[in-house]
N, C-alpha and C. Protein backbone atom coordinates (compact mmCIF):
# COMPACT_ATOMS: atom_id res chain seq x y z
N MET A 1 125.51 119.94 -38.64
CA MET A 1 124.94 120.89 -39.61
C MET A 1 124.07 120.01 -40.65
N LYS A 2 124.49 118.85 -40.98
CA LYS A 2 123.78 118.15 -42.16
C LYS A 2 122.43 117.73 -41.63
N ASP A 3 122.18 117.59 -40.35
CA ASP A 3 120.92 117.17 -39.89
C ASP A 3 120.08 118.30 -39.45
N LYS A 4 120.48 119.54 -39.69
CA LYS A 4 119.59 120.73 -39.18
C LYS A 4 118.24 120.59 -39.66
N ALA A 5 117.98 120.28 -40.89
CA ALA A 5 116.51 120.23 -41.35
C ALA A 5 115.69 119.24 -40.56
N TYR A 6 116.31 118.09 -40.44
CA TYR A 6 115.56 116.92 -39.65
C TYR A 6 115.30 117.40 -38.23
N GLU A 7 116.31 117.94 -37.56
CA GLU A 7 116.19 118.23 -36.16
C GLU A 7 115.21 119.34 -35.89
N VAL A 8 115.14 120.47 -36.83
CA VAL A 8 114.23 121.51 -36.70
C VAL A 8 112.87 120.95 -36.97
N LEU A 9 112.78 120.33 -38.07
CA LEU A 9 111.40 119.85 -38.42
C LEU A 9 110.80 118.71 -37.43
N ARG A 10 111.66 117.95 -36.95
CA ARG A 10 111.21 117.02 -35.93
C ARG A 10 110.67 117.69 -34.63
N GLN A 11 111.40 118.67 -34.18
CA GLN A 11 110.85 119.52 -33.00
C GLN A 11 109.70 120.24 -33.39
N ARG A 12 109.50 120.83 -34.51
CA ARG A 12 108.24 121.50 -34.97
C ARG A 12 107.12 120.55 -34.98
N LEU A 13 107.33 119.31 -35.58
CA LEU A 13 106.13 118.40 -35.64
C LEU A 13 105.77 118.02 -34.30
N ILE A 14 106.71 117.60 -33.40
CA ILE A 14 106.33 117.09 -32.05
C ILE A 14 105.62 118.20 -31.20
N GLY A 15 106.11 119.48 -31.38
CA GLY A 15 105.62 120.55 -30.67
C GLY A 15 104.28 121.07 -31.23
N GLY A 16 103.84 120.64 -32.37
CA GLY A 16 102.58 121.03 -32.87
C GLY A 16 102.58 122.35 -33.78
N HIS A 17 103.83 122.71 -34.31
CA HIS A 17 103.98 123.87 -35.04
C HIS A 17 103.18 123.92 -36.28
N TYR A 18 103.12 122.68 -36.80
CA TYR A 18 102.20 122.55 -38.06
C TYR A 18 100.92 121.92 -37.73
N ARG A 19 99.74 122.15 -38.50
CA ARG A 19 98.50 121.65 -38.20
C ARG A 19 98.43 120.21 -38.68
N PRO A 20 97.69 119.33 -37.97
CA PRO A 20 97.53 117.93 -38.39
C PRO A 20 97.06 117.84 -39.86
N GLY A 21 97.78 117.01 -40.68
CA GLY A 21 97.31 116.97 -42.10
C GLY A 21 98.06 118.06 -42.97
N GLU A 22 98.69 119.09 -42.52
CA GLU A 22 99.26 120.08 -43.34
C GLU A 22 100.35 119.58 -44.22
N GLN A 23 100.41 119.94 -45.49
CA GLN A 23 101.44 119.49 -46.36
C GLN A 23 102.67 120.21 -46.05
N LEU A 24 103.76 119.33 -46.05
CA LEU A 24 105.08 119.92 -45.86
C LEU A 24 105.90 120.06 -47.24
N LYS A 25 105.91 121.30 -47.68
CA LYS A 25 106.47 121.52 -48.98
C LYS A 25 107.92 121.84 -49.02
N GLU A 26 108.68 121.22 -49.82
CA GLU A 26 110.22 121.27 -49.69
C GLU A 26 110.68 122.73 -49.78
N GLU A 27 110.20 123.41 -50.89
CA GLU A 27 110.73 124.66 -51.22
C GLU A 27 110.57 125.75 -50.09
N PRO A 28 109.27 125.95 -49.55
CA PRO A 28 109.06 127.00 -48.55
C PRO A 28 110.03 126.64 -47.33
N ILE A 29 110.02 125.28 -46.97
CA ILE A 29 110.80 124.96 -45.79
C ILE A 29 112.27 125.14 -46.02
N ALA A 30 112.81 124.79 -47.19
CA ALA A 30 114.22 125.01 -47.56
C ALA A 30 114.47 126.49 -47.42
N ARG A 31 113.55 127.40 -48.00
CA ARG A 31 113.73 128.97 -47.93
C ARG A 31 113.78 129.33 -46.42
N ASP A 32 112.89 128.79 -45.65
CA ASP A 32 112.72 129.20 -44.24
C ASP A 32 113.95 128.76 -43.45
N LEU A 33 114.50 127.69 -43.74
CA LEU A 33 115.71 127.20 -42.98
C LEU A 33 116.95 127.58 -43.59
N GLY A 34 116.98 128.42 -44.69
CA GLY A 34 118.20 128.70 -45.34
C GLY A 34 119.09 127.53 -45.88
N LEU A 35 118.38 126.53 -46.46
CA LEU A 35 118.97 125.29 -46.83
C LEU A 35 118.53 124.94 -48.25
N SER A 36 119.28 124.07 -48.97
CA SER A 36 118.90 123.57 -50.31
C SER A 36 117.70 122.59 -50.11
N ARG A 37 117.10 122.26 -51.14
CA ARG A 37 115.99 121.21 -51.05
C ARG A 37 116.43 119.90 -50.63
N THR A 38 117.65 119.46 -51.12
CA THR A 38 118.02 118.13 -50.83
C THR A 38 118.06 117.62 -49.42
N PRO A 39 118.61 118.46 -48.47
CA PRO A 39 118.56 118.05 -47.14
C PRO A 39 117.08 118.11 -46.39
N VAL A 40 116.27 119.04 -46.98
CA VAL A 40 114.89 119.09 -46.54
C VAL A 40 114.14 117.81 -47.06
N ARG A 41 114.38 117.45 -48.34
CA ARG A 41 113.79 116.24 -48.82
C ARG A 41 114.06 114.98 -47.98
N ASN A 42 115.40 114.81 -47.65
CA ASN A 42 115.87 113.70 -46.85
C ASN A 42 115.29 113.72 -45.45
N ALA A 43 115.16 115.04 -44.89
CA ALA A 43 114.54 115.00 -43.61
C ALA A 43 113.19 114.68 -43.63
N LEU A 44 112.43 115.14 -44.62
CA LEU A 44 110.97 114.75 -44.77
C LEU A 44 110.81 113.23 -44.79
N HIS A 45 111.70 112.58 -45.52
CA HIS A 45 111.59 111.15 -45.68
C HIS A 45 111.87 110.39 -44.33
N ARG A 46 112.73 111.03 -43.62
CA ARG A 46 113.07 110.40 -42.24
C ARG A 46 111.96 110.51 -41.40
N LEU A 47 111.33 111.70 -41.40
CA LEU A 47 110.02 112.02 -40.66
C LEU A 47 108.99 111.05 -40.95
N VAL A 48 108.92 110.59 -42.16
CA VAL A 48 107.86 109.71 -42.55
C VAL A 48 108.19 108.42 -41.86
N GLU A 49 109.49 107.95 -41.92
CA GLU A 49 109.88 106.72 -41.23
C GLU A 49 109.73 106.74 -39.75
N ASP A 50 109.82 107.84 -39.17
CA ASP A 50 109.53 108.21 -37.72
C ASP A 50 108.09 108.04 -37.33
N GLY A 51 107.18 108.10 -38.39
CA GLY A 51 105.66 108.09 -38.05
C GLY A 51 105.21 109.46 -37.71
N LEU A 52 106.00 110.59 -37.95
CA LEU A 52 105.51 111.88 -37.63
C LEU A 52 104.98 112.63 -38.81
N ALA A 53 105.13 111.95 -40.06
CA ALA A 53 104.57 112.50 -41.17
C ALA A 53 104.11 111.23 -42.05
N THR A 54 103.39 111.62 -43.08
CA THR A 54 102.78 110.47 -43.91
C THR A 54 103.07 110.97 -45.39
N ASP A 55 103.29 109.81 -46.23
CA ASP A 55 103.44 110.12 -47.69
C ASP A 55 102.45 109.39 -48.44
N GLY A 56 101.34 110.02 -48.73
CA GLY A 56 100.30 109.43 -49.40
C GLY A 56 100.50 109.63 -50.90
N ALA A 57 100.02 108.78 -51.75
CA ALA A 57 100.13 108.69 -53.16
C ALA A 57 99.34 110.00 -53.65
N GLY A 58 100.22 110.87 -54.42
CA GLY A 58 99.67 112.03 -54.93
C GLY A 58 99.24 113.07 -53.92
N GLN A 59 99.41 112.95 -52.64
CA GLN A 59 99.07 113.88 -51.64
C GLN A 59 100.22 114.62 -51.05
N GLY A 60 101.48 114.26 -51.44
CA GLY A 60 102.62 114.87 -50.82
C GLY A 60 102.81 114.37 -49.33
N ILE A 61 103.91 114.85 -48.79
CA ILE A 61 104.12 114.55 -47.43
C ILE A 61 103.41 115.47 -46.44
N ARG A 62 102.68 114.97 -45.54
CA ARG A 62 101.77 115.64 -44.69
C ARG A 62 102.02 115.47 -43.19
N VAL A 63 101.73 116.27 -42.39
CA VAL A 63 101.88 115.96 -40.87
C VAL A 63 100.85 114.93 -40.43
N SER A 64 101.35 113.91 -39.75
CA SER A 64 100.51 113.06 -39.23
C SER A 64 99.43 113.55 -38.40
N GLU A 65 98.25 112.99 -38.40
CA GLU A 65 97.08 113.49 -37.67
C GLU A 65 97.05 113.25 -36.24
N TRP A 66 98.05 114.02 -35.47
CA TRP A 66 97.99 113.85 -34.01
C TRP A 66 97.51 115.19 -33.43
N SER A 67 96.19 115.25 -33.29
CA SER A 67 95.62 116.44 -32.74
C SER A 67 95.80 116.56 -31.22
N ASP A 68 95.46 117.69 -30.49
CA ASP A 68 95.57 117.87 -29.22
C ASP A 68 94.70 116.77 -28.43
N TRP A 69 93.64 116.43 -29.02
CA TRP A 69 92.66 115.50 -28.50
C TRP A 69 93.43 114.12 -28.54
N ASP A 70 94.05 113.83 -29.58
CA ASP A 70 94.75 112.49 -29.73
C ASP A 70 95.69 112.41 -28.56
N VAL A 71 96.50 113.42 -28.34
CA VAL A 71 97.61 113.49 -27.31
C VAL A 71 97.01 113.28 -25.95
N GLU A 72 95.93 114.25 -25.61
CA GLU A 72 95.30 114.05 -24.27
C GLU A 72 94.54 112.72 -24.04
N GLU A 73 93.88 112.15 -25.05
CA GLU A 73 93.34 110.90 -24.82
C GLU A 73 94.24 109.83 -24.57
N THR A 74 95.37 109.85 -25.36
CA THR A 74 96.42 108.91 -25.00
C THR A 74 96.91 108.96 -23.55
N PHE A 75 97.26 110.09 -23.16
CA PHE A 75 97.68 110.34 -21.80
C PHE A 75 96.59 109.89 -20.85
N GLN A 76 95.32 110.22 -21.09
CA GLN A 76 94.43 109.92 -20.04
C GLN A 76 94.21 108.39 -20.01
N LEU A 77 94.24 107.79 -21.11
CA LEU A 77 94.13 106.26 -21.14
C LEU A 77 95.25 105.65 -20.35
N ARG A 78 96.45 106.13 -20.67
CA ARG A 78 97.65 105.61 -19.90
C ARG A 78 97.51 105.86 -18.31
N MET A 79 97.05 107.11 -17.95
CA MET A 79 96.87 107.31 -16.53
C MET A 79 95.83 106.50 -16.03
N LEU A 80 94.98 105.86 -16.76
CA LEU A 80 93.97 104.92 -16.13
C LEU A 80 94.54 103.48 -16.07
N LEU A 81 95.28 103.20 -17.15
CA LEU A 81 95.73 101.66 -17.16
C LEU A 81 97.14 101.47 -16.64
N GLU A 82 98.08 102.37 -16.82
CA GLU A 82 99.46 101.93 -16.56
C GLU A 82 99.68 102.10 -15.04
N PRO A 83 99.02 102.84 -14.21
CA PRO A 83 99.23 102.69 -12.71
C PRO A 83 98.73 101.34 -12.28
N TYR A 84 97.66 100.80 -12.81
CA TYR A 84 97.19 99.49 -12.48
C TYR A 84 98.22 98.51 -12.89
N ALA A 85 98.76 98.57 -14.08
CA ALA A 85 99.86 97.73 -14.51
C ALA A 85 101.12 97.71 -13.65
N SER A 86 101.36 98.94 -13.11
CA SER A 86 102.53 99.14 -12.16
C SER A 86 102.26 98.46 -10.83
N PHE A 87 101.00 98.53 -10.37
CA PHE A 87 100.52 97.96 -9.20
C PHE A 87 100.71 96.37 -9.29
N LEU A 88 100.28 95.89 -10.35
CA LEU A 88 100.39 94.35 -10.57
C LEU A 88 101.91 94.03 -10.60
N ALA A 89 102.59 94.84 -11.43
CA ALA A 89 104.06 94.42 -11.57
C ALA A 89 104.77 94.52 -10.23
N ALA A 90 104.50 95.45 -9.40
CA ALA A 90 105.21 95.51 -8.22
C ALA A 90 104.95 94.27 -7.31
N THR A 91 103.70 93.76 -7.35
CA THR A 91 103.38 92.71 -6.44
C THR A 91 103.93 91.28 -7.06
N ARG A 92 104.14 91.33 -8.39
CA ARG A 92 104.52 90.06 -9.15
C ARG A 92 106.02 90.00 -9.54
N GLY A 93 106.59 91.08 -9.86
CA GLY A 93 107.85 91.19 -10.52
C GLY A 93 109.01 90.69 -9.83
N GLY A 94 109.18 91.03 -8.50
CA GLY A 94 110.42 90.66 -7.82
C GLY A 94 111.67 91.40 -8.06
N GLU A 95 112.64 90.78 -7.61
CA GLU A 95 114.10 91.43 -7.78
C GLU A 95 114.55 91.41 -9.25
N GLY A 96 114.17 90.43 -10.03
CA GLY A 96 114.52 90.39 -11.42
C GLY A 96 113.95 91.60 -12.12
N LEU A 97 112.72 91.96 -11.97
CA LEU A 97 112.12 93.09 -12.61
C LEU A 97 112.88 94.30 -12.15
N ALA A 98 113.11 94.55 -10.80
CA ALA A 98 113.69 95.58 -10.23
C ALA A 98 115.07 95.86 -10.83
N ASP A 99 115.87 94.86 -11.04
CA ASP A 99 117.14 94.98 -11.64
C ASP A 99 117.05 95.40 -13.25
N ALA A 100 116.07 94.95 -13.88
CA ALA A 100 115.96 95.31 -15.26
C ALA A 100 115.47 96.66 -15.34
N LEU A 101 114.66 97.23 -14.46
CA LEU A 101 114.29 98.54 -14.49
C LEU A 101 115.42 99.49 -14.14
N GLU A 102 116.30 99.12 -13.16
CA GLU A 102 117.37 99.87 -12.75
C GLU A 102 118.42 99.94 -13.92
N ALA A 103 118.57 98.87 -14.64
CA ALA A 103 119.35 98.94 -15.85
C ALA A 103 118.91 99.99 -16.82
N SER A 104 117.53 100.01 -17.11
CA SER A 104 117.02 101.05 -17.98
C SER A 104 117.22 102.46 -17.49
N ASN A 105 117.18 102.55 -16.19
CA ASN A 105 117.44 104.00 -15.54
C ASN A 105 118.97 104.33 -15.73
N GLN A 106 119.85 103.42 -15.67
CA GLN A 106 121.23 103.78 -15.80
C GLN A 106 121.45 104.21 -17.26
N ARG A 107 120.68 103.52 -18.11
CA ARG A 107 120.90 103.88 -19.65
C ARG A 107 120.33 105.26 -19.85
N MET A 108 119.27 105.56 -19.23
CA MET A 108 118.60 106.91 -19.40
C MET A 108 119.56 108.01 -18.87
N GLU A 109 120.18 107.73 -17.74
CA GLU A 109 121.10 108.73 -17.13
C GLU A 109 122.29 109.02 -17.96
N ALA A 110 122.91 107.86 -18.65
CA ALA A 110 123.91 107.93 -19.47
C ALA A 110 123.58 108.87 -20.78
N GLY A 111 122.39 108.59 -21.30
CA GLY A 111 121.78 109.34 -22.43
C GLY A 111 121.63 110.76 -22.14
N ILE A 112 121.08 111.04 -20.96
CA ILE A 112 121.00 112.47 -20.52
C ILE A 112 122.36 113.17 -20.43
N ALA A 113 123.21 112.50 -19.92
CA ALA A 113 124.61 113.09 -19.66
C ALA A 113 125.25 113.39 -21.09
N ALA A 114 124.87 112.67 -22.14
CA ALA A 114 125.40 112.82 -23.41
C ALA A 114 124.75 114.02 -24.20
N GLY A 115 123.73 114.57 -23.65
CA GLY A 115 123.10 115.62 -24.30
C GLY A 115 122.25 115.17 -25.44
N GLN A 116 122.19 116.12 -26.52
CA GLN A 116 121.29 115.72 -27.63
C GLN A 116 121.77 114.53 -28.34
N ASP A 117 123.06 114.12 -28.29
CA ASP A 117 123.39 112.86 -29.00
C ASP A 117 122.94 111.69 -28.19
N GLY A 118 122.43 111.85 -27.02
CA GLY A 118 122.04 110.74 -26.24
C GLY A 118 120.47 110.58 -26.23
N ILE A 119 119.78 111.46 -26.79
CA ILE A 119 118.33 111.43 -26.72
C ILE A 119 117.69 110.13 -27.20
N ALA A 120 118.26 109.65 -28.29
CA ALA A 120 117.77 108.34 -28.78
C ALA A 120 117.87 107.23 -27.86
N GLU A 121 118.95 107.24 -27.13
CA GLU A 121 119.14 106.19 -26.08
C GLU A 121 118.21 106.39 -24.77
N VAL A 122 117.94 107.66 -24.40
CA VAL A 122 117.01 107.94 -23.46
C VAL A 122 115.59 107.50 -23.91
N GLN A 123 115.19 107.69 -25.10
CA GLN A 123 113.90 107.27 -25.66
C GLN A 123 113.86 105.81 -25.62
N SER A 124 114.76 105.05 -26.00
CA SER A 124 114.93 103.63 -26.06
C SER A 124 114.84 103.04 -24.62
N ALA A 125 115.68 103.60 -23.76
CA ALA A 125 115.68 103.03 -22.36
C ALA A 125 114.37 103.34 -21.68
N ASN A 126 113.65 104.43 -21.92
CA ASN A 126 112.39 104.72 -21.34
C ASN A 126 111.34 103.73 -21.85
N ARG A 127 111.35 103.40 -23.14
CA ARG A 127 110.41 102.50 -23.71
C ARG A 127 110.64 101.04 -23.06
N ASP A 128 111.88 100.76 -22.93
CA ASP A 128 112.13 99.30 -22.31
C ASP A 128 111.64 99.40 -20.82
N PHE A 129 111.80 100.49 -20.09
CA PHE A 129 111.34 100.49 -18.72
C PHE A 129 109.81 100.31 -18.62
N HIS A 130 109.05 100.94 -19.44
CA HIS A 130 107.59 100.96 -19.40
C HIS A 130 107.08 99.70 -19.87
N HIS A 131 107.78 99.12 -20.85
CA HIS A 131 107.30 97.86 -21.37
C HIS A 131 107.62 96.73 -20.42
N ALA A 132 108.69 96.84 -19.72
CA ALA A 132 109.07 95.86 -18.76
C ALA A 132 107.98 95.75 -17.57
N LEU A 133 107.56 96.92 -17.23
CA LEU A 133 106.44 96.94 -16.16
C LEU A 133 105.17 96.30 -16.66
N ILE A 134 104.89 96.52 -17.85
CA ILE A 134 103.60 95.93 -18.44
C ILE A 134 103.74 94.54 -18.61
N GLU A 135 104.87 94.05 -19.08
CA GLU A 135 105.10 92.75 -19.10
C GLU A 135 104.98 91.90 -17.92
N ALA A 136 105.51 92.62 -16.89
CA ALA A 136 105.54 91.97 -15.53
C ALA A 136 104.25 92.00 -14.85
N SER A 137 103.32 92.82 -15.41
CA SER A 137 102.02 92.78 -14.84
C SER A 137 101.22 91.50 -14.86
N GLY A 138 101.71 90.81 -15.88
CA GLY A 138 101.12 89.37 -16.18
C GLY A 138 99.76 89.38 -16.69
N SER A 139 99.40 90.56 -17.32
CA SER A 139 98.08 90.76 -17.89
C SER A 139 98.07 90.72 -19.35
N PRO A 140 97.71 89.84 -20.17
CA PRO A 140 97.77 89.90 -21.58
C PRO A 140 96.82 91.10 -22.08
N ARG A 141 95.78 91.33 -21.40
CA ARG A 141 94.84 92.37 -21.89
C ARG A 141 95.57 93.73 -21.82
N LEU A 142 96.12 93.99 -20.58
CA LEU A 142 96.88 95.26 -20.34
C LEU A 142 97.92 95.43 -21.42
N LYS A 143 98.67 94.35 -21.67
CA LYS A 143 99.71 94.43 -22.64
C LYS A 143 99.32 94.78 -24.02
N THR A 144 98.20 94.19 -24.40
CA THR A 144 97.62 94.52 -25.77
C THR A 144 97.16 96.00 -25.77
N MET A 145 96.43 96.38 -24.76
CA MET A 145 95.94 97.84 -24.77
C MET A 145 97.04 98.84 -24.65
N MET A 146 98.09 98.56 -23.95
CA MET A 146 99.11 99.52 -23.65
C MET A 146 100.12 99.74 -24.76
N ALA A 147 100.43 98.67 -25.49
CA ALA A 147 101.49 98.57 -26.39
C ALA A 147 101.47 99.70 -27.42
N THR A 148 100.28 99.99 -28.03
CA THR A 148 100.18 101.05 -29.10
C THR A 148 100.35 102.48 -28.41
N MET A 149 99.84 102.59 -27.21
CA MET A 149 99.89 103.86 -26.70
C MET A 149 101.36 104.34 -26.26
N ILE A 150 102.16 103.47 -25.71
CA ILE A 150 103.42 103.69 -25.31
C ILE A 150 104.37 103.95 -26.62
N ASP A 151 104.07 103.12 -27.67
CA ASP A 151 104.63 103.33 -28.99
C ASP A 151 104.24 104.35 -29.98
N MET A 152 103.21 105.19 -29.59
CA MET A 152 102.78 106.16 -30.42
C MET A 152 103.97 107.12 -30.84
N PRO A 153 104.16 107.45 -32.15
CA PRO A 153 105.39 108.12 -32.61
C PRO A 153 105.53 109.46 -31.86
N ILE A 154 104.45 110.23 -31.69
CA ILE A 154 104.51 111.55 -31.08
C ILE A 154 104.90 111.58 -29.67
N ILE A 155 104.50 110.42 -28.94
CA ILE A 155 104.81 110.11 -27.51
C ILE A 155 106.33 109.73 -27.50
N LYS A 156 106.68 108.81 -28.33
CA LYS A 156 108.05 108.30 -28.25
C LYS A 156 109.13 109.50 -28.57
N ARG A 157 108.83 110.35 -29.53
CA ARG A 157 109.70 111.38 -29.84
C ARG A 157 109.69 112.64 -28.96
N SER A 158 108.77 112.66 -28.02
CA SER A 158 108.57 113.79 -27.11
C SER A 158 109.80 114.08 -26.40
N PHE A 159 110.72 113.22 -26.25
CA PHE A 159 112.00 113.50 -25.46
C PHE A 159 112.94 114.55 -26.04
N TYR A 160 112.67 114.77 -27.33
CA TYR A 160 113.53 115.71 -27.98
C TYR A 160 113.12 117.25 -27.62
N ILE A 161 111.95 117.35 -26.97
CA ILE A 161 111.49 118.73 -26.60
C ILE A 161 111.61 119.04 -25.18
N TYR A 162 112.01 117.98 -24.33
CA TYR A 162 112.16 118.11 -22.91
C TYR A 162 113.56 118.69 -22.66
N THR A 163 113.55 119.47 -21.46
CA THR A 163 114.85 120.05 -20.97
C THR A 163 115.69 118.91 -20.20
N PRO A 164 116.89 119.06 -20.01
CA PRO A 164 117.73 118.05 -19.23
C PRO A 164 117.17 117.91 -17.76
N GLU A 165 116.74 119.05 -17.29
CA GLU A 165 116.18 118.95 -15.87
C GLU A 165 114.81 118.12 -15.85
N GLU A 166 114.05 118.23 -16.89
CA GLU A 166 112.84 117.49 -16.96
C GLU A 166 113.17 116.00 -17.17
N LEU A 167 114.20 115.73 -17.94
CA LEU A 167 114.44 114.32 -18.10
C LEU A 167 114.96 113.68 -16.80
N VAL A 168 115.73 114.41 -16.03
CA VAL A 168 116.30 113.96 -14.72
C VAL A 168 115.08 113.69 -13.78
N GLN A 169 114.10 114.64 -13.92
CA GLN A 169 112.97 114.38 -12.91
C GLN A 169 112.33 113.09 -13.31
N SER A 170 112.23 112.82 -14.64
CA SER A 170 111.56 111.61 -15.03
C SER A 170 112.31 110.35 -14.50
N VAL A 171 113.70 110.35 -14.49
CA VAL A 171 114.44 109.27 -14.05
C VAL A 171 114.17 109.23 -12.49
N HIS A 172 113.98 110.23 -11.76
CA HIS A 172 113.69 110.18 -10.37
C HIS A 172 112.46 109.35 -10.13
N HIS A 173 111.39 109.68 -10.98
CA HIS A 173 110.12 108.97 -10.87
C HIS A 173 110.39 107.38 -11.10
N HIS A 174 111.16 107.09 -12.09
CA HIS A 174 111.55 105.78 -12.33
C HIS A 174 112.25 105.07 -11.22
N ARG A 175 113.21 105.81 -10.60
CA ARG A 175 113.82 105.31 -9.43
C ARG A 175 112.87 104.96 -8.16
N ASP A 176 111.94 105.84 -8.03
CA ASP A 176 110.88 105.57 -7.02
C ASP A 176 110.07 104.30 -7.32
N LEU A 177 109.85 104.06 -8.60
CA LEU A 177 109.12 102.88 -9.04
C LEU A 177 109.93 101.60 -8.70
N VAL A 178 111.27 101.72 -8.93
CA VAL A 178 112.20 100.69 -8.62
C VAL A 178 112.05 100.29 -7.12
N ILE A 179 112.05 101.31 -6.23
CA ILE A 179 111.92 101.27 -4.72
C ILE A 179 110.65 100.48 -4.45
N ALA A 180 109.46 100.84 -5.21
CA ALA A 180 108.19 100.20 -5.04
C ALA A 180 108.18 98.80 -5.42
N VAL A 181 108.94 98.39 -6.46
CA VAL A 181 109.04 97.08 -6.94
C VAL A 181 109.86 96.11 -5.91
N ARG A 182 110.95 96.64 -5.49
CA ARG A 182 111.76 96.01 -4.51
C ARG A 182 110.92 95.75 -3.29
N ALA A 183 110.21 96.68 -2.92
CA ALA A 183 109.44 96.63 -1.66
C ALA A 183 108.01 95.76 -1.84
N ARG A 184 107.86 95.37 -3.07
CA ARG A 184 106.63 94.76 -3.49
C ARG A 184 105.33 95.58 -3.04
N ASP A 185 105.57 97.00 -3.07
CA ASP A 185 104.46 97.83 -2.64
C ASP A 185 103.62 98.27 -3.88
N GLY A 186 102.62 97.54 -4.22
CA GLY A 186 101.79 97.80 -5.37
C GLY A 186 101.14 99.22 -5.29
N GLU A 187 100.66 99.57 -4.10
CA GLU A 187 100.05 100.98 -4.02
C GLU A 187 100.92 101.99 -4.29
N LEU A 188 102.10 101.91 -3.70
CA LEU A 188 103.18 102.92 -4.02
C LEU A 188 103.43 103.11 -5.44
N ALA A 189 103.68 101.88 -6.10
CA ALA A 189 103.95 101.95 -7.52
C ALA A 189 102.73 102.55 -8.30
N ARG A 190 101.56 102.27 -7.86
CA ARG A 190 100.50 102.82 -8.58
C ARG A 190 100.55 104.38 -8.57
N GLN A 191 100.78 104.89 -7.27
CA GLN A 191 100.72 106.30 -6.99
C GLN A 191 102.00 107.00 -7.86
N VAL A 192 103.13 106.38 -7.79
CA VAL A 192 104.10 107.01 -8.54
C VAL A 192 104.04 107.10 -9.93
N MET A 193 103.42 106.02 -10.52
CA MET A 193 103.18 106.04 -11.92
C MET A 193 102.09 107.00 -12.32
N GLN A 194 101.06 107.21 -11.47
CA GLN A 194 100.08 108.28 -11.69
C GLN A 194 100.71 109.68 -11.59
N LEU A 195 101.54 109.97 -10.72
CA LEU A 195 102.22 111.09 -10.82
C LEU A 195 103.15 111.29 -11.90
N HIS A 196 103.91 110.20 -12.34
CA HIS A 196 104.93 110.40 -13.39
C HIS A 196 104.02 110.63 -14.76
N LEU A 197 103.00 110.08 -14.94
CA LEU A 197 102.31 110.16 -16.21
C LEU A 197 101.70 111.60 -16.20
N ARG A 198 101.12 112.00 -15.11
CA ARG A 198 100.47 113.34 -15.02
C ARG A 198 101.51 114.42 -15.32
N MET A 199 102.75 114.27 -14.63
CA MET A 199 103.75 115.30 -14.91
C MET A 199 104.09 115.34 -16.36
N SER A 200 104.21 114.10 -16.93
CA SER A 200 104.67 113.98 -18.32
C SER A 200 103.69 114.59 -19.34
N TYR A 201 102.45 114.48 -18.96
CA TYR A 201 101.29 115.13 -19.84
C TYR A 201 101.48 116.60 -19.69
N HIS A 202 101.51 117.19 -18.48
CA HIS A 202 101.69 118.68 -18.45
C HIS A 202 102.96 119.21 -19.04
N ARG A 203 104.07 118.56 -19.02
CA ARG A 203 105.36 118.96 -19.57
C ARG A 203 105.14 118.89 -21.07
N PHE A 204 104.60 117.89 -21.55
CA PHE A 204 104.37 117.82 -22.98
C PHE A 204 103.55 118.85 -23.57
N MET A 205 102.45 119.07 -22.90
CA MET A 205 101.46 120.14 -23.46
C MET A 205 102.04 121.49 -23.26
N LYS A 206 102.87 121.76 -22.30
CA LYS A 206 103.50 123.08 -22.07
C LYS A 206 104.49 123.36 -23.21
N HIS A 207 105.27 122.35 -23.57
CA HIS A 207 106.19 122.52 -24.68
C HIS A 207 105.54 122.61 -26.04
N ARG A 208 104.42 121.84 -26.15
CA ARG A 208 103.64 122.02 -27.39
C ARG A 208 103.11 123.35 -27.65
N GLY A 209 102.77 123.98 -26.49
CA GLY A 209 102.11 125.35 -26.60
C GLY A 209 103.39 126.32 -27.01
N GLU A 210 104.43 126.08 -26.36
CA GLU A 210 105.52 127.05 -26.58
C GLU A 210 106.07 127.00 -27.98
N TYR A 211 106.05 125.70 -28.58
CA TYR A 211 106.49 125.75 -29.98
C TYR A 211 105.54 126.31 -30.95
N ARG A 212 104.23 126.24 -30.58
CA ARG A 212 103.22 126.98 -31.51
C ARG A 212 103.34 128.43 -31.47
N GLN A 213 103.79 128.94 -30.19
CA GLN A 213 103.90 130.45 -30.22
C GLN A 213 105.21 131.04 -30.59
N ALA A 214 106.23 130.26 -30.73
CA ALA A 214 107.53 130.66 -30.98
C ALA A 214 107.68 130.99 -32.48
N PRO A 215 108.42 132.11 -32.86
CA PRO A 215 108.66 132.47 -34.17
C PRO A 215 109.50 131.44 -34.80
N ALA A 216 109.37 131.35 -36.17
CA ALA A 216 110.33 130.44 -36.93
C ALA A 216 111.65 130.86 -36.76
N PRO A 217 112.55 129.84 -36.56
CA PRO A 217 113.93 130.04 -36.54
C PRO A 217 114.64 130.58 -37.81
């Protein structure tokens, strides 16, 4: 219960409930959630730490400027670059990479099984999975270009609005990528990553739209 304000606000920000740049005022939010201002204040500061909000001097706490175009552009760039990184990784990574990816998948599955309490572990394991592929690509240019896109706060936190079934589907894609790496099949890895990212994009935008249309809890 003590994290209600943080959890609700985090989902609202990820889902696009508030406009980019909109000020998040403690009193109206506290009244809306039926809470005192103290947990709301603490939640807002945690959201700033997460990168989902900003705290400018004299400007109050505001929603980070992640527009629909920012999200779409990020996914489109990833769909151009990360399949190629996966192609390279599959041809260069070998069994060591496959084992590391499989370990990340096992962590993701354990996190999914734990429900909401495990989402942070799912997020962390997913990040490790994608970064391992990029590292194994052996391309410093790809690594530089991809790092900020994978670590964009709104993308990292998107796991909090996915259903358990969607998270399981994501792990299935990851397992197919492990198969491609073990087979050193770069083209298969490229195709699986393309599908994985495209599905992730459509899932994210679907939930973003749902949160905008949903009435306030």
